[in-house]
Amino acid sequence: MTNNEIYDVLTIDAVSRQLGITPRTLRYYEEVGLISPALRTNGGHRLYDQSTMDRIKQILRLKEYLGISLQEIQEVMDAEESLNEIRRTFQENIESADGQRVLVRQYIDVLHNLIEKMNTKIENVEIMRNLYQEQVERSLHFMDELEKK
């Protein structure tokens, strides 16, 4: 970490205030391996850098927008890291068309896997929504029958 980067870190309290989550949530994310602190002070206090902040924001978006579990978030984050690694390797292998083809296939496979997981999640949410919709329709029908009495 460079001298400039040392000044670009935030404490656990600052991160939790900025992102609207509790310090316990950040510690839990660390316990389950979703994040790791950039470094610790001599007193053992956690310090987070911008890349960790970005990762936490991504975790929160996935939780809020997709309603997925921390295990599923970990799978998505791992897949995104794989995609980044494939991109880096691709750029390093600009001389080898065969190598690039293999990497593009790997990239597509990772994306297909992510899409399949999301499609499964969407299907499950649609099933739940349809069940609730059926309950609404039955309840409205029941209400109509009560109105006729």
N, C-alpha and C. Protein backbone atom coordinates (compact mmCIF):
# COMPACT_ATOMS: atom_id res chain seq x y z
N MET A 1 0.85 -1.17 0.00
CA MET A 1 0.00 0.00 0.00
C MET A 1 0.89 1.23 0.00
N THR A 2 0.63 2.21 -0.89
CA THR A 2 1.45 3.41 -0.97
C THR A 2 1.05 4.39 0.13
N ASN A 3 1.88 5.42 0.31
CA ASN A 3 1.57 6.43 1.32
C ASN A 3 0.24 7.11 1.05
N ASN A 4 -0.07 7.39 -0.22
CA ASN A 4 -1.34 8.01 -0.56
C ASN A 4 -2.51 7.09 -0.24
N GLU A 5 -2.34 5.80 -0.49
CA GLU A 5 -3.41 4.84 -0.22
C GLU A 5 -3.67 4.69 1.27
N ILE A 6 -2.63 4.87 2.09
CA ILE A 6 -2.81 4.76 3.54
C ILE A 6 -3.79 5.81 4.02
N TYR A 7 -3.80 6.98 3.38
CA TYR A 7 -4.72 8.03 3.79
C TYR A 7 -6.11 7.84 3.20
N ASP A 8 -6.28 6.91 2.29
CA ASP A 8 -7.56 6.67 1.65
C ASP A 8 -8.30 5.49 2.27
N VAL A 9 -8.10 5.27 3.55
CA VAL A 9 -8.79 4.19 4.23
C VAL A 9 -9.76 4.76 5.24
N LEU A 10 -10.77 3.97 5.54
CA LEU A 10 -11.80 4.39 6.49
C LEU A 10 -11.90 3.35 7.60
N THR A 11 -12.27 3.82 8.78
CA THR A 11 -12.49 2.90 9.89
C THR A 11 -13.82 2.19 9.71
N ILE A 12 -14.03 1.17 10.50
CA ILE A 12 -15.27 0.41 10.43
C ILE A 12 -16.47 1.30 10.75
N ASP A 13 -16.31 2.23 11.70
CA ASP A 13 -17.41 3.14 12.04
C ASP A 13 -17.73 4.08 10.88
N ALA A 14 -16.69 4.60 10.23
CA ALA A 14 -16.91 5.50 9.10
C ALA A 14 -17.59 4.77 7.95
N VAL A 15 -17.16 3.56 7.67
CA VAL A 15 -17.76 2.77 6.59
C VAL A 15 -19.22 2.46 6.91
N SER A 16 -19.48 2.04 8.15
CA SER A 16 -20.85 1.69 8.51
C SER A 16 -21.77 2.90 8.43
N ARG A 17 -21.30 4.06 8.86
CA ARG A 17 -22.12 5.29 8.75
C ARG A 17 -22.35 5.65 7.29
N GLN A 18 -21.30 5.60 6.48
CA GLN A 18 -21.39 5.99 5.08
C GLN A 18 -22.34 5.07 4.30
N LEU A 19 -22.33 3.79 4.61
CA LEU A 19 -23.13 2.83 3.85
C LEU A 19 -24.45 2.49 4.52
N GLY A 20 -24.67 2.98 5.73
CA GLY A 20 -25.93 2.72 6.42
C GLY A 20 -26.08 1.29 6.91
N ILE A 21 -24.98 0.69 7.30
CA ILE A 21 -25.02 -0.67 7.86
C ILE A 21 -24.30 -0.65 9.20
N THR A 22 -24.45 -1.71 9.95
CA THR A 22 -23.82 -1.76 11.27
C THR A 22 -22.39 -2.28 11.18
N PRO A 23 -21.57 -1.89 12.16
CA PRO A 23 -20.22 -2.48 12.21
C PRO A 23 -20.28 -4.00 12.32
N ARG A 24 -21.30 -4.52 13.02
CA ARG A 24 -21.45 -5.97 13.14
C ARG A 24 -21.64 -6.62 11.77
N THR A 25 -22.41 -5.95 10.90
CA THR A 25 -22.59 -6.48 9.54
C THR A 25 -21.26 -6.57 8.82
N LEU A 26 -20.43 -5.55 8.95
CA LEU A 26 -19.11 -5.57 8.31
C LEU A 26 -18.25 -6.69 8.88
N ARG A 27 -18.28 -6.85 10.20
CA ARG A 27 -17.51 -7.94 10.80
C ARG A 27 -18.01 -9.30 10.32
N TYR A 28 -19.33 -9.42 10.19
CA TYR A 28 -19.90 -10.67 9.72
C TYR A 28 -19.48 -10.95 8.27
N TYR A 29 -19.53 -9.94 7.42
CA TYR A 29 -19.08 -10.10 6.04
C TYR A 29 -17.63 -10.59 6.00
N GLU A 30 -16.83 -10.08 6.92
CA GLU A 30 -15.44 -10.52 7.00
C GLU A 30 -15.37 -11.97 7.48
N GLU A 31 -16.17 -12.31 8.50
CA GLU A 31 -16.17 -13.68 9.05
C GLU A 31 -16.51 -14.72 7.98
N VAL A 32 -17.49 -14.41 7.12
CA VAL A 32 -17.92 -15.37 6.11
C VAL A 32 -17.11 -15.28 4.83
N GLY A 33 -16.13 -14.37 4.79
CA GLY A 33 -15.22 -14.31 3.66
C GLY A 33 -15.66 -13.44 2.49
N LEU A 34 -16.71 -12.64 2.69
CA LEU A 34 -17.14 -11.75 1.60
C LEU A 34 -16.18 -10.58 1.43
N ILE A 35 -15.61 -10.11 2.52
CA ILE A 35 -14.65 -9.01 2.46
C ILE A 35 -13.50 -9.30 3.42
N SER A 36 -12.45 -8.54 3.24
CA SER A 36 -11.37 -8.55 4.22
C SER A 36 -10.89 -7.11 4.35
N PRO A 37 -10.51 -6.70 5.56
CA PRO A 37 -10.06 -5.32 5.72
C PRO A 37 -8.75 -5.09 4.99
N ALA A 38 -8.55 -3.89 4.52
CA ALA A 38 -7.32 -3.56 3.81
C ALA A 38 -6.12 -3.73 4.73
N LEU A 39 -6.26 -3.28 5.94
CA LEU A 39 -5.20 -3.42 6.93
C LEU A 39 -5.79 -3.15 8.30
N ARG A 40 -4.97 -3.32 9.31
CA ARG A 40 -5.39 -3.05 10.69
C ARG A 40 -4.38 -2.10 11.32
N THR A 41 -4.89 -1.29 12.22
CA THR A 41 -4.00 -0.40 12.97
C THR A 41 -3.22 -1.23 13.97
N ASN A 42 -2.25 -0.59 14.62
CA ASN A 42 -1.48 -1.30 15.67
C ASN A 42 -2.41 -1.79 16.78
N GLY A 43 -3.51 -1.08 16.99
CA GLY A 43 -4.47 -1.48 18.01
C GLY A 43 -5.45 -2.52 17.52
N GLY A 44 -5.34 -2.96 16.26
CA GLY A 44 -6.20 -4.00 15.74
C GLY A 44 -7.49 -3.50 15.10
N HIS A 45 -7.66 -2.19 14.96
CA HIS A 45 -8.87 -1.64 14.34
C HIS A 45 -8.84 -1.85 12.83
N ARG A 46 -9.97 -2.22 12.30
CA ARG A 46 -10.08 -2.49 10.87
C ARG A 46 -10.07 -1.18 10.07
N LEU A 47 -9.39 -1.22 8.94
CA LEU A 47 -9.37 -0.10 8.00
C LEU A 47 -9.72 -0.64 6.62
N TYR A 48 -10.60 0.06 5.93
CA TYR A 48 -11.09 -0.39 4.63
C TYR A 48 -10.66 0.58 3.55
N ASP A 49 -10.16 0.05 2.43
CA ASP A 49 -9.76 0.88 1.30
C ASP A 49 -10.93 0.99 0.31
N GLN A 50 -10.71 1.74 -0.76
CA GLN A 50 -11.77 1.99 -1.73
C GLN A 50 -12.24 0.72 -2.43
N SER A 51 -11.33 -0.18 -2.74
CA SER A 51 -11.75 -1.41 -3.42
C SER A 51 -12.64 -2.25 -2.51
N THR A 52 -12.36 -2.26 -1.22
CA THR A 52 -13.23 -2.99 -0.28
C THR A 52 -14.57 -2.28 -0.16
N MET A 53 -14.55 -0.96 -0.14
CA MET A 53 -15.80 -0.20 -0.11
C MET A 53 -16.65 -0.53 -1.34
N ASP A 54 -16.02 -0.57 -2.50
CA ASP A 54 -16.75 -0.91 -3.73
C ASP A 54 -17.34 -2.31 -3.64
N ARG A 55 -16.58 -3.24 -3.08
CA ARG A 55 -17.07 -4.61 -2.92
C ARG A 55 -18.28 -4.64 -1.97
N ILE A 56 -18.20 -3.90 -0.87
CA ILE A 56 -19.32 -3.85 0.07
C ILE A 56 -20.55 -3.26 -0.61
N LYS A 57 -20.36 -2.21 -1.39
CA LYS A 57 -21.49 -1.61 -2.12
C LYS A 57 -22.12 -2.62 -3.07
N GLN A 58 -21.28 -3.42 -3.74
CA GLN A 58 -21.79 -4.46 -4.65
C GLN A 58 -22.59 -5.50 -3.87
N ILE A 59 -22.09 -5.90 -2.72
CA ILE A 59 -22.80 -6.87 -1.87
C ILE A 59 -24.16 -6.31 -1.49
N LEU A 60 -24.20 -5.06 -1.07
CA LEU A 60 -25.45 -4.45 -0.65
C LEU A 60 -26.44 -4.33 -1.81
N ARG A 61 -25.93 -4.01 -3.01
CA ARG A 61 -26.80 -3.95 -4.20
C ARG A 61 -27.39 -5.33 -4.50
N LEU A 62 -26.57 -6.35 -4.44
CA LEU A 62 -27.04 -7.70 -4.72
C LEU A 62 -28.10 -8.12 -3.71
N LYS A 63 -27.87 -7.80 -2.45
CA LYS A 63 -28.85 -8.15 -1.41
C LYS A 63 -30.16 -7.39 -1.63
N GLU A 64 -30.05 -6.10 -1.87
CA GLU A 64 -31.24 -5.25 -1.98
C GLU A 64 -32.01 -5.50 -3.27
N TYR A 65 -31.32 -5.49 -4.40
CA TYR A 65 -32.00 -5.58 -5.69
C TYR A 65 -32.41 -6.99 -6.06
N LEU A 66 -31.57 -7.96 -5.72
CA LEU A 66 -31.87 -9.33 -6.12
C LEU A 66 -32.41 -10.19 -4.99
N GLY A 67 -32.25 -9.72 -3.76
CA GLY A 67 -32.74 -10.49 -2.63
C GLY A 67 -32.09 -11.85 -2.52
N ILE A 68 -30.78 -11.91 -2.76
CA ILE A 68 -30.11 -13.19 -2.73
C ILE A 68 -29.35 -13.36 -1.41
N SER A 69 -29.10 -14.60 -1.07
CA SER A 69 -28.42 -14.92 0.18
C SER A 69 -26.94 -14.56 0.11
N LEU A 70 -26.30 -14.55 1.27
CA LEU A 70 -24.87 -14.27 1.30
C LEU A 70 -24.07 -15.34 0.56
N GLN A 71 -24.53 -16.57 0.62
CA GLN A 71 -23.87 -17.65 -0.13
C GLN A 71 -23.96 -17.36 -1.64
N GLU A 72 -25.14 -16.95 -2.09
CA GLU A 72 -25.31 -16.63 -3.51
C GLU A 72 -24.49 -15.39 -3.88
N ILE A 73 -24.42 -14.43 -2.96
CA ILE A 73 -23.59 -13.24 -3.20
C ILE A 73 -22.14 -13.66 -3.37
N GLN A 74 -21.68 -14.56 -2.51
CA GLN A 74 -20.29 -15.03 -2.61
C GLN A 74 -20.05 -15.68 -3.96
N GLU A 75 -21.01 -16.46 -4.44
CA GLU A 75 -20.88 -17.10 -5.75
C GLU A 75 -20.79 -16.06 -6.86
N VAL A 76 -21.61 -15.03 -6.78
CA VAL A 76 -21.58 -13.97 -7.80
C VAL A 76 -20.25 -13.23 -7.75
N MET A 77 -19.81 -12.89 -6.53
CA MET A 77 -18.55 -12.16 -6.39
C MET A 77 -17.37 -13.02 -6.89
N ASP A 78 -17.39 -14.31 -6.60
CA ASP A 78 -16.35 -15.21 -7.10
C ASP A 78 -16.37 -15.25 -8.63
N ALA A 79 -17.57 -15.31 -9.20
CA ALA A 79 -17.68 -15.33 -10.66
C ALA A 79 -17.15 -14.03 -11.26
N GLU A 80 -17.47 -12.90 -10.62
CA GLU A 80 -16.97 -11.63 -11.14
C GLU A 80 -15.45 -11.56 -11.05
N GLU A 81 -14.88 -12.11 -9.98
CA GLU A 81 -13.42 -12.17 -9.88
C GLU A 81 -12.84 -13.05 -10.98
N SER A 82 -13.52 -14.16 -11.27
CA SER A 82 -13.07 -15.03 -12.37
C SER A 82 -13.11 -14.29 -13.70
N LEU A 83 -14.18 -13.53 -13.93
CA LEU A 83 -14.28 -12.74 -15.16
C LEU A 83 -13.14 -11.74 -15.26
N ASN A 84 -12.84 -11.06 -14.16
CA ASN A 84 -11.73 -10.10 -14.16
C ASN A 84 -10.40 -10.79 -14.45
N GLU A 85 -10.20 -11.96 -13.87
CA GLU A 85 -8.97 -12.70 -14.09
C GLU A 85 -8.86 -13.15 -15.54
N ILE A 86 -9.96 -13.60 -16.10
CA ILE A 86 -9.95 -14.02 -17.51
C ILE A 86 -9.62 -12.83 -18.40
N ARG A 87 -10.21 -11.67 -18.11
CA ARG A 87 -9.91 -10.45 -18.90
C ARG A 87 -8.42 -10.11 -18.82
N ARG A 88 -7.86 -10.16 -17.60
CA ARG A 88 -6.42 -9.84 -17.45
C ARG A 88 -5.57 -10.83 -18.25
N THR A 89 -5.89 -12.11 -18.12
CA THR A 89 -5.13 -13.14 -18.84
C THR A 89 -5.28 -12.96 -20.35
N PHE A 90 -6.48 -12.63 -20.80
CA PHE A 90 -6.73 -12.40 -22.23
C PHE A 90 -5.82 -11.29 -22.74
N GLN A 91 -5.75 -10.20 -22.00
CA GLN A 91 -4.92 -9.06 -22.43
C GLN A 91 -3.44 -9.40 -22.45
N GLU A 92 -3.03 -10.32 -21.58
CA GLU A 92 -1.63 -10.74 -21.55
C GLU A 92 -1.29 -11.69 -22.70
N ASN A 93 -2.31 -12.31 -23.29
CA ASN A 93 -2.11 -13.30 -24.35
C ASN A 93 -2.53 -12.78 -25.72
N ILE A 94 -2.21 -11.55 -26.02
CA ILE A 94 -2.66 -10.97 -27.30
C ILE A 94 -1.97 -11.63 -28.49
N GLU A 95 -0.90 -12.35 -28.25
CA GLU A 95 -0.16 -13.00 -29.34
C GLU A 95 -0.80 -14.32 -29.76
N SER A 96 -1.55 -14.93 -28.87
CA SER A 96 -2.04 -16.29 -29.12
C SER A 96 -3.56 -16.30 -29.35
N ALA A 97 -3.95 -16.45 -30.61
CA ALA A 97 -5.38 -16.51 -30.93
C ALA A 97 -6.02 -17.74 -30.31
N ASP A 98 -5.30 -18.87 -30.31
CA ASP A 98 -5.85 -20.09 -29.70
C ASP A 98 -6.09 -19.88 -28.20
N GLY A 99 -5.13 -19.28 -27.54
CA GLY A 99 -5.27 -19.00 -26.12
C GLY A 99 -6.42 -18.05 -25.85
N GLN A 100 -6.58 -17.06 -26.70
CA GLN A 100 -7.67 -16.11 -26.53
C GLN A 100 -9.03 -16.79 -26.73
N ARG A 101 -9.11 -17.69 -27.71
CA ARG A 101 -10.37 -18.42 -27.93
C ARG A 101 -10.76 -19.22 -26.68
N VAL A 102 -9.79 -19.88 -26.08
CA VAL A 102 -10.05 -20.66 -24.86
C VAL A 102 -10.56 -19.73 -23.76
N LEU A 103 -9.92 -18.59 -23.62
CA LEU A 103 -10.32 -17.64 -22.58
C LEU A 103 -11.71 -17.07 -22.83
N VAL A 104 -12.04 -16.78 -24.08
CA VAL A 104 -13.37 -16.26 -24.39
C VAL A 104 -14.42 -17.33 -24.08
N ARG A 105 -14.12 -18.59 -24.38
CA ARG A 105 -15.06 -19.68 -24.04
C ARG A 105 -15.26 -19.76 -22.53
N GLN A 106 -14.17 -19.64 -21.78
CA GLN A 106 -14.27 -19.65 -20.32
C GLN A 106 -15.12 -18.48 -19.83
N TYR A 107 -14.90 -17.33 -20.40
CA TYR A 107 -15.63 -16.12 -20.04
C TYR A 107 -17.14 -16.33 -20.28
N ILE A 108 -17.45 -16.86 -21.43
CA ILE A 108 -18.86 -17.12 -21.78
C ILE A 108 -19.46 -18.14 -20.82
N ASP A 109 -18.72 -19.18 -20.48
CA ASP A 109 -19.21 -20.19 -19.55
C ASP A 109 -19.54 -19.59 -18.18
N VAL A 110 -18.65 -18.73 -17.69
CA VAL A 110 -18.90 -18.08 -16.39
C VAL A 110 -20.16 -17.23 -16.47
N LEU A 111 -20.30 -16.47 -17.57
CA LEU A 111 -21.50 -15.63 -17.73
C LEU A 111 -22.77 -16.48 -17.84
N HIS A 112 -22.71 -17.58 -18.59
CA HIS A 112 -23.87 -18.47 -18.70
C HIS A 112 -24.27 -19.01 -17.33
N ASN A 113 -23.29 -19.38 -16.55
CA ASN A 113 -23.55 -19.89 -15.20
C ASN A 113 -24.25 -18.83 -14.35
N LEU A 114 -23.76 -17.61 -14.41
CA LEU A 114 -24.40 -16.51 -13.67
C LEU A 114 -25.84 -16.29 -14.14
N ILE A 115 -26.03 -16.28 -15.43
CA ILE A 115 -27.37 -16.07 -15.99
C ILE A 115 -28.31 -17.19 -15.55
N GLU A 116 -27.83 -18.42 -15.57
CA GLU A 116 -28.66 -19.56 -15.16
C GLU A 116 -29.07 -19.44 -13.70
N LYS A 117 -28.15 -19.04 -12.85
CA LYS A 117 -28.47 -18.85 -11.43
C LYS A 117 -29.51 -17.76 -11.26
N MET A 118 -29.37 -16.69 -12.00
CA MET A 118 -30.34 -15.60 -11.90
C MET A 118 -31.69 -16.01 -12.46
N ASN A 119 -31.69 -16.76 -13.56
CA ASN A 119 -32.95 -17.25 -14.11
C ASN A 119 -33.68 -18.14 -13.11
N THR A 120 -32.95 -18.98 -12.42
CA THR A 120 -33.56 -19.83 -11.40
C THR A 120 -34.16 -18.98 -10.30
N LYS A 121 -33.44 -17.96 -9.88
CA LYS A 121 -33.94 -17.05 -8.83
C LYS A 121 -35.21 -16.35 -9.32
N ILE A 122 -35.19 -15.87 -10.55
CA ILE A 122 -36.34 -15.18 -11.12
C ILE A 122 -37.55 -16.11 -11.19
N GLU A 123 -37.32 -17.35 -11.62
CA GLU A 123 -38.42 -18.32 -11.70
C GLU A 123 -39.03 -18.57 -10.33
N ASN A 124 -38.19 -18.69 -9.31
CA ASN A 124 -38.69 -18.91 -7.95
C ASN A 124 -39.50 -17.71 -7.45
N VAL A 125 -39.03 -16.52 -7.74
CA VAL A 125 -39.76 -15.31 -7.34
C VAL A 125 -41.09 -15.24 -8.09
N GLU A 126 -41.09 -15.59 -9.37
CA GLU A 126 -42.34 -15.58 -10.15
C GLU A 126 -43.34 -16.59 -9.59
N ILE A 127 -42.87 -17.74 -9.18
CA ILE A 127 -43.76 -18.74 -8.58
C ILE A 127 -44.40 -18.18 -7.32
N MET A 128 -43.59 -17.56 -6.47
CA MET A 128 -44.13 -16.96 -5.24
C MET A 128 -45.13 -15.86 -5.56
N ARG A 129 -44.78 -15.00 -6.52
CA ARG A 129 -45.68 -13.92 -6.91
C ARG A 129 -47.01 -14.47 -7.41
N ASN A 130 -46.95 -15.51 -8.23
CA ASN A 130 -48.18 -16.11 -8.76
C ASN A 130 -49.03 -16.71 -7.66
N LEU A 131 -48.40 -17.32 -6.67
CA LEU A 131 -49.16 -17.86 -5.55
C LEU A 131 -49.89 -16.75 -4.78
N TYR A 132 -49.20 -15.66 -4.56
CA TYR A 132 -49.83 -14.52 -3.88
C TYR A 132 -50.94 -13.91 -4.73
N GLN A 133 -50.70 -13.84 -6.03
CA GLN A 133 -51.72 -13.31 -6.92
C GLN A 133 -52.97 -14.17 -6.88
N GLU A 134 -52.80 -15.49 -6.86
CA GLU A 134 -53.94 -16.39 -6.75
C GLU A 134 -54.70 -16.17 -5.44
N GLN A 135 -53.98 -15.93 -4.36
CA GLN A 135 -54.63 -15.66 -3.08
C GLN A 135 -55.43 -14.36 -3.13
N VAL A 136 -54.87 -13.36 -3.80
CA VAL A 136 -55.60 -12.09 -3.96
C VAL A 136 -56.88 -12.33 -4.74
N GLU A 137 -56.78 -13.06 -5.83
CA GLU A 137 -57.96 -13.31 -6.66
C GLU A 137 -59.02 -14.11 -5.91
N ARG A 138 -58.60 -15.12 -5.15
CA ARG A 138 -59.56 -15.88 -4.33
C ARG A 138 -60.20 -14.99 -3.27
N SER A 139 -59.39 -14.14 -2.67
CA SER A 139 -59.91 -13.25 -1.64
C SER A 139 -60.90 -12.25 -2.22
N LEU A 140 -60.59 -11.73 -3.42
CA LEU A 140 -61.52 -10.81 -4.07
C LEU A 140 -62.83 -11.52 -4.43
N HIS A 141 -62.72 -12.73 -4.90
CA HIS A 141 -63.92 -13.51 -5.21
C HIS A 141 -64.74 -13.74 -3.93
N PHE A 142 -64.06 -14.10 -2.86
CA PHE A 142 -64.73 -14.29 -1.57
C PHE A 142 -65.41 -13.00 -1.12
N MET A 143 -64.72 -11.88 -1.31
CA MET A 143 -65.29 -10.58 -0.93
C MET A 143 -66.55 -10.30 -1.74
N ASP A 144 -66.52 -10.63 -3.04
CA ASP A 144 -67.71 -10.45 -3.88
C ASP A 144 -68.86 -11.29 -3.36
N GLU A 145 -68.58 -12.52 -2.98
CA GLU A 145 -69.62 -13.40 -2.44
C GLU A 145 -70.18 -12.84 -1.14
N LEU A 146 -69.34 -12.27 -0.32
CA LEU A 146 -69.82 -11.67 0.94
C LEU A 146 -70.70 -10.45 0.66
N GLU A 147 -70.33 -9.69 -0.37
CA GLU A 147 -71.11 -8.50 -0.74
C GLU A 147 -72.52 -8.89 -1.19
N LYS A 148 -72.68 -10.05 -1.78
CA LYS A 148 -73.97 -10.50 -2.30
C LYS A 148 -74.91 -10.94 -1.18
N LYS A 149 -74.38 -11.23 -0.02
CA LYS A 149 -75.20 -11.71 1.10
C LYS A 149 -75.93 -10.59 1.78
